[in-house]
Amino acid sequence: MVYIYVDYDKKRSSNFIGVDMKAKYKKLVREQLDETLKRFRPIKTLVPPPKGWIRAIRDALGMTGEQLAGRLNTNKQRIARIEQDEKFGKVTIKTLRSVAQAMDCVFVYGVVPRDSLEQTVRKQAGLVAKKRTARTNQTMRLEKQELSEKEKEKILKSLIEDIVNEMPKSLWDEK
């Protein structure tokens, strides 16, 4: 898989790439990343063991806290603290990497979207579009020029497409 990285700030200052091309590159990058992230979807539902991954793997290996401490040049109290911190989400990535290596494991870290990145962008664009059209619909209603539901839906879909294609910086301002 090939990834394309475009530094938009530098391109903007030199007008090297127009707005339309920027949006196309962003869409391409989103599609490529979505493809890569598909492999991680099955682990989204993975629930950590009650005592945490470090303790579960250490126990499965038959390794005591003292033995792990020796591999990390620390003491067994520090190992107990690391295991507690992991359970409460307070352990650092650096520590997790070190502990994984000491147990002959590979530390894997990732952020996996609930849906695809494309669906996330479309959902946000839908939220923005609904807010925009609601204001317009209110004005038209007051002027007795309200559109039919079918026309409103058509305009909403068109606006969502425009927003997704343009990817305005303000897209994520709405909550």
C-alpha atoms as a PDB file:
ATOM      1  CA  MET A   1       0.000   0.000   0.000  1.00  0.00           C
ATOM      2  CA  VAL A   2       1.270   3.470  -0.882  1.00  0.00           C
ATOM      3  CA  TYR A   3       0.586   6.442   1.382  1.00  0.00           C
ATOM      4  CA  ILE A   4       0.650   9.985   0.149  1.00  0.00           C
ATOM      5  CA  TYR A   5       1.449  12.773   2.563  1.00  0.00           C
ATOM      6  CA  VAL A   6       0.832  16.323   1.501  1.00  0.00           C
ATOM      7  CA  ASP A   7       1.883  19.221   3.697  1.00  0.00           C
ATOM      8  CA  TYR A   8      -1.120  21.433   3.028  1.00  0.00           C
ATOM      9  CA  ASP A   9       0.264  24.437   4.884  1.00  0.00           C
ATOM     10  CA  LYS A  10       3.296  24.649   2.613  1.00  0.00           C
ATOM     11  CA  LYS A  11       1.194  24.033  -0.491  1.00  0.00           C
ATOM     12  CA  ARG A  12      -1.275  26.756   0.531  1.00  0.00           C
ATOM     13  CA  SER A  13       1.409  29.402   0.751  1.00  0.00           C
ATOM     14  CA  SER A  14       2.692  28.646  -2.729  1.00  0.00           C
ATOM     15  CA  ASN A  15      -0.723  27.901  -4.286  1.00  0.00           C
ATOM     16  CA  PHE A  16       0.761  24.684  -5.598  1.00  0.00           C
ATOM     17  CA  ILE A  17      -2.433  22.693  -5.163  1.00  0.00           C
ATOM     18  CA  GLY A  18      -5.916  24.152  -5.544  1.00  0.00           C
ATOM     19  CA  VAL A  19      -8.741  23.547  -3.083  1.00  0.00           C
ATOM     20  CA  ASP A  20     -10.217  20.788  -5.254  1.00  0.00           C
ATOM     21  CA  MET A  21      -6.920  18.881  -5.380  1.00  0.00           C
ATOM     22  CA  LYS A  22      -6.440  19.219  -1.605  1.00  0.00           C
ATOM     23  CA  ALA A  23      -9.827  17.651  -1.013  1.00  0.00           C
ATOM     24  CA  LYS A  24      -9.016  14.829  -3.437  1.00  0.00           C
ATOM     25  CA  TYR A  25      -5.736  14.128  -1.647  1.00  0.00           C
ATOM     26  CA  LYS A  26      -7.469  14.157   1.718  1.00  0.00           C
ATOM     27  CA  LYS A  27     -10.058  11.710   0.395  1.00  0.00           C
ATOM     28  CA  LEU A  28      -7.320   9.460  -1.011  1.00  0.00           C
ATOM     29  CA  VAL A  29      -5.428   9.483   2.283  1.00  0.00           C
ATOM     30  CA  ARG A  30      -8.688   8.727   4.152  1.00  0.00           C
ATOM     31  CA  GLU A  31      -9.454   5.815   1.829  1.00  0.00           C
ATOM     32  CA  GLN A  32      -5.956   4.364   2.185  1.00  0.00           C
ATOM     33  CA  LEU A  33      -5.994   4.674   5.958  1.00  0.00           C
ATOM     34  CA  ASP A  34      -9.491   3.138   6.071  1.00  0.00           C
ATOM     35  CA  GLU A  35      -8.153   0.165   4.123  1.00  0.00           C
ATOM     36  CA  THR A  36      -5.301  -0.291   6.601  1.00  0.00           C
ATOM     37  CA  LEU A  37      -7.579   0.119   9.620  1.00  0.00           C
ATOM     38  CA  LYS A  38      -9.964  -2.599   8.376  1.00  0.00           C
ATOM     39  CA  ARG A  39      -7.515  -5.157   9.784  1.00  0.00           C
ATOM     40  CA  PHE A  40      -8.049  -3.788  13.296  1.00  0.00           C
ATOM     41  CA  ARG A  41     -11.857  -3.889  13.296  1.00  0.00           C
ATOM     42  CA  PRO A  42     -12.065  -7.331  14.952  1.00  0.00           C
ATOM     43  CA  ILE A  43     -10.104  -6.122  17.991  1.00  0.00           C
ATOM     44  CA  LYS A  44     -12.466  -3.213  18.673  1.00  0.00           C
ATOM     45  CA  THR A  45     -14.619  -5.526  20.756  1.00  0.00           C
ATOM     46  CA  LEU A  46     -11.686  -7.120  22.566  1.00  0.00           C
ATOM     47  CA  VAL A  47     -12.078  -6.668  26.319  1.00  0.00           C
ATOM     48  CA  PRO A  48      -8.908  -6.464  28.419  1.00  0.00           C
ATOM     49  CA  PRO A  49      -8.506  -9.180  31.081  1.00  0.00           C
ATOM     50  CA  PRO A  50      -9.747  -8.102  34.534  1.00  0.00           C
ATOM     51  CA  LYS A  51      -6.185  -7.862  35.891  1.00  0.00           C
ATOM     52  CA  GLY A  52      -4.863  -6.174  32.718  1.00  0.00           C
ATOM     53  CA  TRP A  53      -2.791  -7.458  29.821  1.00  0.00           C
ATOM     54  CA  ILE A  54       0.561  -7.270  31.580  1.00  0.00           C
ATOM     55  CA  ARG A  55      -0.540  -9.416  34.510  1.00  0.00           C
ATOM     56  CA  ALA A  56      -2.464 -11.839  32.276  1.00  0.00           C
ATOM     57  CA  ILE A  57       0.519 -12.405  29.976  1.00  0.00           C
ATOM     58  CA  ARG A  58       2.993 -12.552  32.844  1.00  0.00           C
ATOM     59  CA  ASP A  59       0.837 -15.193  34.589  1.00  0.00           C
ATOM     60  CA  ALA A  60       0.390 -17.154  31.353  1.00  0.00           C
ATOM     61  CA  LEU A  61       4.173 -17.187  30.912  1.00  0.00           C
ATOM     62  CA  GLY A  62       4.626 -18.391  34.489  1.00  0.00           C
ATOM     63  CA  MET A  63       6.730 -15.316  35.248  1.00  0.00           C
ATOM     64  CA  THR A  64       6.663 -13.817  38.732  1.00  0.00           C
ATOM     65  CA  GLY A  65       6.587 -10.100  39.405  1.00  0.00           C
ATOM     66  CA  GLU A  66      10.080 -10.401  40.794  1.00  0.00           C
ATOM     67  CA  GLN A  67      11.329 -12.093  37.612  1.00  0.00           C
ATOM     68  CA  LEU A  68       9.771  -9.387  35.420  1.00  0.00           C
ATOM     69  CA  ALA A  69      11.279  -6.758  37.701  1.00  0.00           C
ATOM     70  CA  GLY A  70      14.705  -8.336  37.189  1.00  0.00           C
ATOM     71  CA  ARG A  71      14.291  -8.140  33.428  1.00  0.00           C
ATOM     72  CA  LEU A  72      13.404  -4.447  33.726  1.00  0.00           C
ATOM     73  CA  ASN A  73      16.086  -3.614  36.318  1.00  0.00           C
ATOM     74  CA  THR A  74      13.487  -2.495  38.839  1.00  0.00           C
ATOM     75  CA  ASN A  75      11.762  -3.976  41.902  1.00  0.00           C
ATOM     76  CA  LYS A  76       8.619  -6.080  42.261  1.00  0.00           C
ATOM     77  CA  GLN A  77       6.746  -3.173  43.893  1.00  0.00           C
ATOM     78  CA  ARG A  78       7.239  -1.179  40.679  1.00  0.00           C
ATOM     79  CA  ILE A  79       5.802  -4.097  38.673  1.00  0.00           C
ATOM     80  CA  ALA A  80       2.748  -4.182  40.949  1.00  0.00           C
ATOM     81  CA  ARG A  81       2.355  -0.436  40.425  1.00  0.00           C
ATOM     82  CA  ILE A  82       2.675  -0.786  36.626  1.00  0.00           C
ATOM     83  CA  GLU A  83       0.003  -3.496  36.616  1.00  0.00           C
ATOM     84  CA  GLN A  84      -2.308  -1.295  38.719  1.00  0.00           C
ATOM     85  CA  ASP A  85      -1.662   1.719  36.515  1.00  0.00           C
ATOM     86  CA  GLU A  86      -2.499  -0.332  33.416  1.00  0.00           C
ATOM     87  CA  LYS A  87      -5.883  -1.332  34.861  1.00  0.00           C
ATOM     88  CA  PHE A  88      -6.742   2.332  35.475  1.00  0.00           C
ATOM     89  CA  GLY A  89      -5.353   3.638  32.173  1.00  0.00           C
ATOM     90  CA  LYS A  90      -2.510   5.529  33.820  1.00  0.00           C
ATOM     91  CA  VAL A  91       0.481   3.608  32.448  1.00  0.00           C
ATOM     92  CA  THR A  92       2.610   5.302  29.791  1.00  0.00           C
ATOM     93  CA  ILE A  93       3.191   3.974  26.308  1.00  0.00           C
ATOM     94  CA  LYS A  94       6.934   3.964  27.003  1.00  0.00           C
ATOM     95  CA  THR A  95       6.398   1.707  30.034  1.00  0.00           C
ATOM     96  CA  LEU A  96       4.102  -0.626  28.083  1.00  0.00           C
ATOM     97  CA  ARG A  97       6.738  -0.973  25.365  1.00  0.00           C
ATOM     98  CA  SER A  98       9.449  -1.792  27.911  1.00  0.00           C
ATOM     99  CA  VAL A  99       7.309  -4.350  29.738  1.00  0.00           C
ATOM    100  CA  ALA A 100       6.221  -5.988  26.471  1.00  0.00           C
ATOM    101  CA  GLN A 101       9.834  -6.311  25.361  1.00  0.00           C
ATOM    102  CA  ALA A 102      10.836  -7.775  28.741  1.00  0.00           C
ATOM    103  CA  MET A 103       8.165 -10.472  28.273  1.00  0.00           C
ATOM    104  CA  ASP A 104       9.258 -11.134  24.652  1.00  0.00           C
ATOM    105  CA  CYS A 105       6.072  -9.527  23.335  1.00  0.00           C
ATOM    106  CA  VAL A 106       5.337  -6.768  20.864  1.00  0.00           C
ATOM    107  CA  PHE A 107       3.472  -3.712  22.096  1.00  0.00           C
ATOM    108  CA  VAL A 108       0.645  -2.758  19.725  1.00  0.00           C
ATOM    109  CA  TYR A 109      -1.043   0.625  20.001  1.00  0.00           C
ATOM    110  CA  GLY A 110      -3.763   2.008  17.810  1.00  0.00           C
ATOM    111  CA  VAL A 111      -6.777   4.221  17.462  1.00  0.00           C
ATOM    112  CA  VAL A 112      -9.516   2.455  15.537  1.00  0.00           C
ATOM    113  CA  PRO A 113     -12.553   4.409  14.317  1.00  0.00           C
ATOM    114  CA  ARG A 114     -15.992   3.101  15.296  1.00  0.00           C
ATOM    115  CA  ASP A 115     -16.952   3.310  11.623  1.00  0.00           C
ATOM    116  CA  SER A 116     -14.736   3.992   8.651  1.00  0.00           C
ATOM    117  CA  LEU A 117     -13.060   7.382   8.470  1.00  0.00           C
ATOM    118  CA  GLU A 118     -15.202   8.106   5.415  1.00  0.00           C
ATOM    119  CA  GLN A 119     -18.395   7.333   7.351  1.00  0.00           C
ATOM    120  CA  THR A 120     -17.185   9.518  10.224  1.00  0.00           C
ATOM    121  CA  VAL A 121     -16.590  12.438   7.859  1.00  0.00           C
ATOM    122  CA  ARG A 122     -19.991  11.898   6.198  1.00  0.00           C
ATOM    123  CA  LYS A 123     -21.737  11.765   9.563  1.00  0.00           C
ATOM    124  CA  GLN A 124     -20.122  15.049  10.607  1.00  0.00           C
ATOM    125  CA  ALA A 125     -20.912  16.602   7.226  1.00  0.00           C
ATOM    126  CA  GLY A 126     -24.524  15.507   7.762  1.00  0.00           C
ATOM    127  CA  LEU A 127     -24.619  17.274  11.118  1.00  0.00           C
ATOM    128  CA  VAL A 128     -23.199  20.472   9.603  1.00  0.00           C
ATOM    129  CA  ALA A 129     -25.543  20.281   6.614  1.00  0.00           C
ATOM    130  CA  LYS A 130     -28.611  19.761   8.817  1.00  0.00           C
ATOM    131  CA  LYS A 131     -27.739  22.827  10.897  1.00  0.00           C
ATOM    132  CA  ARG A 132     -27.202  24.920   7.760  1.00  0.00           C
ATOM    133  CA  THR A 133     -30.420  23.790   6.107  1.00  0.00           C
ATOM    134  CA  ALA A 134     -32.425  24.222   9.322  1.00  0.00           C
ATOM    135  CA  ARG A 135     -31.573  27.927   9.365  1.00  0.00           C
ATOM    136  CA  THR A 136     -32.478  28.287   5.696  1.00  0.00           C
ATOM    137  CA  ASN A 137     -35.687  26.284   6.121  1.00  0.00           C
ATOM    138  CA  GLN A 138     -36.744  28.506   9.019  1.00  0.00           C
ATOM    139  CA  THR A 139     -36.220  31.640   6.921  1.00  0.00           C
ATOM    140  CA  MET A 140     -38.118  30.139   3.973  1.00  0.00           C
ATOM    141  CA  ARG A 141     -40.935  29.044   6.264  1.00  0.00           C
ATOM    142  CA  LEU A 142     -41.272  32.590   7.613  1.00  0.00           C
ATOM    143  CA  GLU A 143     -41.382  33.873   4.039  1.00  0.00           C
ATOM    144  CA  LYS A 144     -43.963  31.197   3.154  1.00  0.00           C
ATOM    145  CA  GLN A 145     -41.575  29.626   0.615  1.00  0.00           C
ATOM    146  CA  GLU A 146     -40.970  26.348   2.415  1.00  0.00           C
ATOM    147  CA  LEU A 147     -39.740  23.419   0.333  1.00  0.00           C
ATOM    148  CA  SER A 148     -41.358  19.990   0.267  1.00  0.00           C
ATOM    149  CA  GLU A 149     -39.774  17.196   2.339  1.00  0.00           C
ATOM    150  CA  LYS A 150     -38.493  15.587  -0.863  1.00  0.00           C
ATOM    151  CA  GLU A 151     -36.829  18.835  -1.958  1.00  0.00           C
ATOM    152  CA  LYS A 152     -35.326  19.338   1.502  1.00  0.00           C
ATOM    153  CA  GLU A 153     -33.886  15.806   1.451  1.00  0.00           C
ATOM    154  CA  LYS A 154     -32.409  16.344  -2.016  1.00  0.00           C
ATOM    155  CA  ILE A 155     -30.772  19.612  -0.940  1.00  0.00           C
ATOM    156  CA  LEU A 156     -29.480  18.009   2.264  1.00  0.00           C
ATOM    157  CA  LYS A 157     -27.859  15.134   0.353  1.00  0.00           C
ATOM    158  CA  SER A 158     -26.324  17.553  -2.121  1.00  0.00           C
ATOM    159  CA  LEU A 159     -24.965  19.756   0.675  1.00  0.00           C
ATOM    160  CA  ILE A 160     -23.475  16.714   2.449  1.00  0.00           C
ATOM    161  CA  GLU A 161     -21.674  15.753  -0.770  1.00  0.00           C
ATOM    162  CA  ASP A 162     -20.382  19.296  -1.189  1.00  0.00           C
ATOM    163  CA  ILE A 163     -19.080  19.392   2.375  1.00  0.00           C
ATOM    164  CA  VAL A 164     -17.400  15.977   2.059  1.00  0.00           C
ATOM    165  CA  ASN A 165     -15.814  16.997  -1.235  1.00  0.00           C
ATOM    166  CA  GLU A 166     -14.639  20.397   0.006  1.00  0.00           C
ATOM    167  CA  MET A 167     -13.589  19.291   3.520  1.00  0.00           C
ATOM    168  CA  PRO A 168     -13.796  22.807   5.011  1.00  0.00           C
ATOM    169  CA  LYS A 169     -11.655  23.529   8.054  1.00  0.00           C
ATOM    170  CA  SER A 170     -14.837  24.334   9.979  1.00  0.00           C
ATOM    171  CA  LEU A 171     -16.160  20.780   9.498  1.00  0.00           C
ATOM    172  CA  TRP A 172     -15.222  19.724  13.021  1.00  0.00           C
ATOM    173  CA  ASP A 173     -16.311  22.951  14.731  1.00  0.00           C
ATOM    174  CA  GLU A 174     -19.848  21.555  15.132  1.00  0.00           C
ATOM    175  CA  LYS A 175     -20.486  19.087  17.953  1.00  0.00           C
END
